Amino acid sequence: MSRRDRSLTWRSILLNARALALGALVGVMLIGGYEYVATKLAEKELGVLLVPPIARAEFAVGFGIGAALIIVLLCVPIWLLLERYDLDGWVSAAALGFVVTMAFWIFHNGPGSLPGHSLLELVRSGLPLAISGGVAGFVTWWARPKSVTQPQLQSSSSS
């Protein structure tokens, strides 16, 4: 069974940081885009809204940046644990992004702070954000530096 080369160099740290930043950026842009489209559709249906769609999208992007920082800090140690057990595929990355984003949404808007609302309604309202987190996890996995396995090292040294 081949183990991956997990040596930490400045280059690998910077490439991983780049992948995390790209994933977070994609997640934040998806959240802002979703909020803009949802508000635009509500405006079309209801007429005039108190807050214009662009202002809601800007707020969602600002909230998303703060949330992304917290979510990245939560995901990195879990990802390192998954990587240790060779569970570091794209499905794991997307599932991790989805689950941690949904957990953040639930803890941030706990059912106790919204009287009269159920946990199911809270989960339903956070579903678009969690899907954005899943896509961000996939993008982070896709943009990460590719690991070098032992057979690749042996074949490159023999040629």
C-alpha atoms as a PDB file:
ATOM      1  CA  MET A   1       0.000   0.000   0.000  1.00  0.00           C
ATOM      2  CA  SER A   2       1.566   3.247  -1.082  1.00  0.00           C
ATOM      3  CA  ARG A   3       1.530   6.250   1.180  1.00  0.00           C
ATOM      4  CA  ARG A   4       1.474   9.738  -0.215  1.00  0.00           C
ATOM      5  CA  ASP A   5       4.323  12.141   0.201  1.00  0.00           C
ATOM      6  CA  ARG A   6       2.980  14.567   2.798  1.00  0.00           C
ATOM      7  CA  SER A   7       6.097  16.577   3.415  1.00  0.00           C
ATOM      8  CA  LEU A   8       5.362  20.141   4.396  1.00  0.00           C
ATOM      9  CA  THR A   9       7.265  22.722   2.435  1.00  0.00           C
ATOM     10  CA  TRP A  10       6.494  26.390   1.979  1.00  0.00           C
ATOM     11  CA  ARG A  11       5.405  25.640  -1.547  1.00  0.00           C
ATOM     12  CA  SER A  12       2.901  22.948  -0.462  1.00  0.00           C
ATOM     13  CA  ILE A  13       1.551  25.183   2.309  1.00  0.00           C
ATOM     14  CA  LEU A  14       1.044  28.057  -0.136  1.00  0.00           C
ATOM     15  CA  LEU A  15      -0.610  25.778  -2.701  1.00  0.00           C
ATOM     16  CA  ASN A  16      -2.978  24.415  -0.055  1.00  0.00           C
ATOM     17  CA  ALA A  17      -3.742  27.952   1.124  1.00  0.00           C
ATOM     18  CA  ARG A  18      -4.484  28.919  -2.485  1.00  0.00           C
ATOM     19  CA  ALA A  19      -6.888  25.985  -2.814  1.00  0.00           C
ATOM     20  CA  LEU A  20      -8.655  26.921   0.436  1.00  0.00           C
ATOM     21  CA  ALA A  21      -8.953  30.555  -0.678  1.00  0.00           C
ATOM     22  CA  LEU A  22     -10.349  29.549  -4.068  1.00  0.00           C
ATOM     23  CA  GLY A  23     -12.904  27.230  -2.472  1.00  0.00           C
ATOM     24  CA  ALA A  24     -13.957  29.911   0.007  1.00  0.00           C
ATOM     25  CA  LEU A  25     -14.236  32.490  -2.786  1.00  0.00           C
ATOM     26  CA  VAL A  26     -16.458  30.202  -4.857  1.00  0.00           C
ATOM     27  CA  GLY A  27     -18.668  29.482  -1.833  1.00  0.00           C
ATOM     28  CA  VAL A  28     -19.026  33.174  -0.990  1.00  0.00           C
ATOM     29  CA  MET A  29     -19.834  34.108  -4.594  1.00  0.00           C
ATOM     30  CA  LEU A  30     -22.467  31.352  -4.772  1.00  0.00           C
ATOM     31  CA  ILE A  31     -24.073  32.629  -1.572  1.00  0.00           C
ATOM     32  CA  GLY A  32     -24.091  36.221  -2.862  1.00  0.00           C
ATOM     33  CA  GLY A  33     -25.482  35.141  -6.227  1.00  0.00           C
ATOM     34  CA  TYR A  34     -28.189  33.027  -4.614  1.00  0.00           C
ATOM     35  CA  GLU A  35     -29.245  35.887  -2.338  1.00  0.00           C
ATOM     36  CA  TYR A  36     -29.369  38.324  -5.277  1.00  0.00           C
ATOM     37  CA  VAL A  37     -31.473  35.998  -7.433  1.00  0.00           C
ATOM     38  CA  ALA A  38     -33.810  35.067  -4.561  1.00  0.00           C
ATOM     39  CA  THR A  39     -34.360  38.728  -3.676  1.00  0.00           C
ATOM     40  CA  LYS A  40     -34.844  39.673  -7.323  1.00  0.00           C
ATOM     41  CA  LEU A  41     -37.510  36.963  -7.675  1.00  0.00           C
ATOM     42  CA  ALA A  42     -39.224  38.143  -4.484  1.00  0.00           C
ATOM     43  CA  GLU A  43     -39.133  41.719  -5.791  1.00  0.00           C
ATOM     44  CA  LYS A  44     -40.739  40.600  -9.043  1.00  0.00           C
ATOM     45  CA  GLU A  45     -43.453  38.739  -7.157  1.00  0.00           C
ATOM     46  CA  LEU A  46     -44.126  41.296  -4.401  1.00  0.00           C
ATOM     47  CA  GLY A  47     -43.339  44.553  -6.171  1.00  0.00           C
ATOM     48  CA  VAL A  48     -41.179  46.921  -4.159  1.00  0.00           C
ATOM     49  CA  LEU A  49     -38.924  45.670  -1.348  1.00  0.00           C
ATOM     50  CA  LEU A  50     -37.451  47.710   1.501  1.00  0.00           C
ATOM     51  CA  VAL A  51     -33.941  46.454   0.763  1.00  0.00           C
ATOM     52  CA  PRO A  52     -32.769  46.274  -2.860  1.00  0.00           C
ATOM     53  CA  PRO A  53     -31.413  42.949  -4.132  1.00  0.00           C
ATOM     54  CA  ILE A  54     -27.847  44.229  -4.531  1.00  0.00           C
ATOM     55  CA  ALA A  55     -27.721  45.372  -0.899  1.00  0.00           C
ATOM     56  CA  ARG A  56     -28.909  41.948   0.284  1.00  0.00           C
ATOM     57  CA  ALA A  57     -26.320  40.262  -1.920  1.00  0.00           C
ATOM     58  CA  GLU A  58     -23.576  42.520  -0.533  1.00  0.00           C
ATOM     59  CA  PHE A  59     -24.608  41.662   3.015  1.00  0.00           C
ATOM     60  CA  ALA A  60     -24.643  37.944   2.140  1.00  0.00           C
ATOM     61  CA  VAL A  61     -21.124  38.223   0.711  1.00  0.00           C
ATOM     62  CA  GLY A  62     -19.922  39.999   3.858  1.00  0.00           C
ATOM     63  CA  PHE A  63     -21.533  37.381   6.070  1.00  0.00           C
ATOM     64  CA  GLY A  64     -20.152  34.662   3.800  1.00  0.00           C
ATOM     65  CA  ILE A  65     -16.574  35.888   4.157  1.00  0.00           C
ATOM     66  CA  GLY A  66     -16.754  35.708   7.945  1.00  0.00           C
ATOM     67  CA  ALA A  67     -18.503  32.351   7.824  1.00  0.00           C
ATOM     68  CA  ALA A  68     -15.972  31.003   5.317  1.00  0.00           C
ATOM     69  CA  LEU A  69     -13.085  31.821   7.646  1.00  0.00           C
ATOM     70  CA  ILE A  70     -14.729  29.929  10.504  1.00  0.00           C
ATOM     71  CA  ILE A  71     -15.732  27.028   8.262  1.00  0.00           C
ATOM     72  CA  VAL A  72     -12.186  26.706   6.859  1.00  0.00           C
ATOM     73  CA  LEU A  73     -10.789  26.650  10.393  1.00  0.00           C
ATOM     74  CA  LEU A  74     -13.207  23.838  11.243  1.00  0.00           C
ATOM     75  CA  CYS A  75     -12.653  21.860   8.035  1.00  0.00           C
ATOM     76  CA  VAL A  76      -8.832  21.792   7.940  1.00  0.00           C
ATOM     77  CA  PRO A  77      -8.294  19.524  10.991  1.00  0.00           C
ATOM     78  CA  ILE A  78     -11.148  17.244   9.913  1.00  0.00           C
ATOM     79  CA  TRP A  79      -9.672  17.061   6.402  1.00  0.00           C
ATOM     80  CA  LEU A  80      -6.249  16.168   7.773  1.00  0.00           C
ATOM     81  CA  LEU A  81      -7.867  13.341   9.726  1.00  0.00           C
ATOM     82  CA  LEU A  82      -9.728  12.114   6.631  1.00  0.00           C
ATOM     83  CA  GLU A  83      -6.511  12.309   4.627  1.00  0.00           C
ATOM     84  CA  ARG A  84      -4.695  10.181   7.189  1.00  0.00           C
ATOM     85  CA  TYR A  85      -7.205   7.380   6.533  1.00  0.00           C
ATOM     86  CA  ASP A  86      -7.108   7.902   2.735  1.00  0.00           C
ATOM     87  CA  LEU A  87     -10.666   9.266   2.636  1.00  0.00           C
ATOM     88  CA  ASP A  88      -9.653  12.398   0.769  1.00  0.00           C
ATOM     89  CA  GLY A  89     -11.678  12.103  -2.437  1.00  0.00           C
ATOM     90  CA  TRP A  90     -13.960  14.655  -4.020  1.00  0.00           C
ATOM     91  CA  VAL A  91     -17.058  13.136  -2.407  1.00  0.00           C
ATOM     92  CA  SER A  92     -15.481  13.511   1.043  1.00  0.00           C
ATOM     93  CA  ALA A  93     -14.541  17.117   0.290  1.00  0.00           C
ATOM     94  CA  ALA A  94     -18.036  18.010  -0.898  1.00  0.00           C
ATOM     95  CA  ALA A  95     -19.689  16.201   2.016  1.00  0.00           C
ATOM     96  CA  LEU A  96     -17.377  17.897   4.512  1.00  0.00           C
ATOM     97  CA  GLY A  97     -18.145  21.333   3.050  1.00  0.00           C
ATOM     98  CA  PHE A  98     -21.878  20.612   3.098  1.00  0.00           C
ATOM     99  CA  VAL A  99     -22.022  19.212   6.637  1.00  0.00           C
ATOM    100  CA  VAL A 100     -19.776  21.814   8.262  1.00  0.00           C
ATOM    101  CA  THR A 101     -21.599  24.689   6.526  1.00  0.00           C
ATOM    102  CA  MET A 102     -24.976  23.319   7.640  1.00  0.00           C
ATOM    103  CA  ALA A 103     -23.658  22.839  11.193  1.00  0.00           C
ATOM    104  CA  PHE A 104     -22.395  26.432  11.189  1.00  0.00           C
ATOM    105  CA  TRP A 105     -25.801  27.657   9.993  1.00  0.00           C
ATOM    106  CA  ILE A 106     -27.639  25.689  12.678  1.00  0.00           C
ATOM    107  CA  PHE A 107     -25.349  26.823  15.494  1.00  0.00           C
ATOM    108  CA  HIS A 108     -25.375  30.424  14.268  1.00  0.00           C
ATOM    109  CA  ASN A 109     -29.177  30.553  14.053  1.00  0.00           C
ATOM    110  CA  GLY A 110     -29.964  28.058  16.814  1.00  0.00           C
ATOM    111  CA  PRO A 111     -33.588  26.970  17.076  1.00  0.00           C
ATOM    112  CA  GLY A 112     -33.735  28.572  20.545  1.00  0.00           C
ATOM    113  CA  SER A 113     -33.120  32.030  19.039  1.00  0.00           C
ATOM    114  CA  LEU A 114     -36.012  31.670  16.606  1.00  0.00           C
ATOM    115  CA  PRO A 115     -39.135  31.026  18.706  1.00  0.00           C
ATOM    116  CA  GLY A 116     -41.889  29.262  16.832  1.00  0.00           C
ATOM    117  CA  HIS A 117     -39.518  27.795  14.255  1.00  0.00           C
ATOM    118  CA  SER A 118     -38.540  24.162  14.095  1.00  0.00           C
ATOM    119  CA  LEU A 119     -35.148  22.653  13.429  1.00  0.00           C
ATOM    120  CA  LEU A 120     -36.507  21.348  10.124  1.00  0.00           C
ATOM    121  CA  GLU A 121     -37.327  24.894   8.981  1.00  0.00           C
ATOM    122  CA  LEU A 122     -33.852  25.983  10.033  1.00  0.00           C
ATOM    123  CA  VAL A 123     -32.262  23.188   8.014  1.00  0.00           C
ATOM    124  CA  ARG A 124     -34.437  24.015   5.010  1.00  0.00           C
ATOM    125  CA  SER A 125     -33.451  27.683   5.156  1.00  0.00           C
ATOM    126  CA  GLY A 126     -29.762  26.749   5.326  1.00  0.00           C
ATOM    127  CA  LEU A 127     -29.884  24.271   2.461  1.00  0.00           C
ATOM    128  CA  PRO A 128     -28.737  26.736  -0.258  1.00  0.00           C
ATOM    129  CA  LEU A 129     -25.811  27.769   1.943  1.00  0.00           C
ATOM    130  CA  ALA A 130     -24.875  24.150   2.656  1.00  0.00           C
ATOM    131  CA  ILE A 131     -24.997  23.339  -1.061  1.00  0.00           C
ATOM    132  CA  SER A 132     -22.662  26.294  -1.647  1.00  0.00           C
ATOM    133  CA  GLY A 133     -20.390  24.844   1.045  1.00  0.00           C
ATOM    134  CA  GLY A 134     -20.428  21.478  -0.707  1.00  0.00           C
ATOM    135  CA  VAL A 135     -19.476  23.076  -4.015  1.00  0.00           C
ATOM    136  CA  ALA A 136     -16.745  25.052  -2.232  1.00  0.00           C
ATOM    137  CA  GLY A 137     -15.421  21.809  -0.744  1.00  0.00           C
ATOM    138  CA  PHE A 138     -15.306  20.236  -4.198  1.00  0.00           C
ATOM    139  CA  VAL A 139     -13.519  23.265  -5.669  1.00  0.00           C
ATOM    140  CA  THR A 140     -10.996  23.172  -2.825  1.00  0.00           C
ATOM    141  CA  TRP A 141     -10.353  19.486  -3.510  1.00  0.00           C
ATOM    142  CA  TRP A 142     -10.008  20.160  -7.253  1.00  0.00           C
ATOM    143  CA  ALA A 143      -7.575  23.081  -6.733  1.00  0.00           C
ATOM    144  CA  ARG A 144      -5.411  21.354  -4.118  1.00  0.00           C
ATOM    145  CA  PRO A 145      -1.852  20.374  -4.975  1.00  0.00           C
ATOM    146  CA  LYS A 146      -1.804  16.873  -6.384  1.00  0.00           C
ATOM    147  CA  SER A 147      -0.008  14.368  -4.166  1.00  0.00           C
ATOM    148  CA  VAL A 148       2.833  12.261  -5.442  1.00  0.00           C
ATOM    149  CA  THR A 149       2.520   8.539  -4.765  1.00  0.00           C
ATOM    150  CA  GLN A 150       5.424   6.126  -4.417  1.00  0.00           C
ATOM    151  CA  PRO A 151       4.891   4.393  -7.817  1.00  0.00           C
ATOM    152  CA  GLN A 152       4.957   7.792  -9.552  1.00  0.00           C
ATOM    153  CA  LEU A 153       8.195   8.653  -7.766  1.00  0.00           C
ATOM    154  CA  GLN A 154       9.797   5.345  -8.829  1.00  0.00           C
ATOM    155  CA  SER A 155       8.698   5.673 -12.462  1.00  0.00           C
ATOM    156  CA  SER A 156       9.904   9.271 -12.721  1.00  0.00           C
ATOM    157  CA  SER A 157      13.316   8.412 -11.210  1.00  0.00           C
ATOM    158  CA  SER A 158      13.828   5.424 -13.541  1.00  0.00           C
ATOM    159  CA  SER A 159      13.254   7.445 -16.734  1.00  0.00           C
END
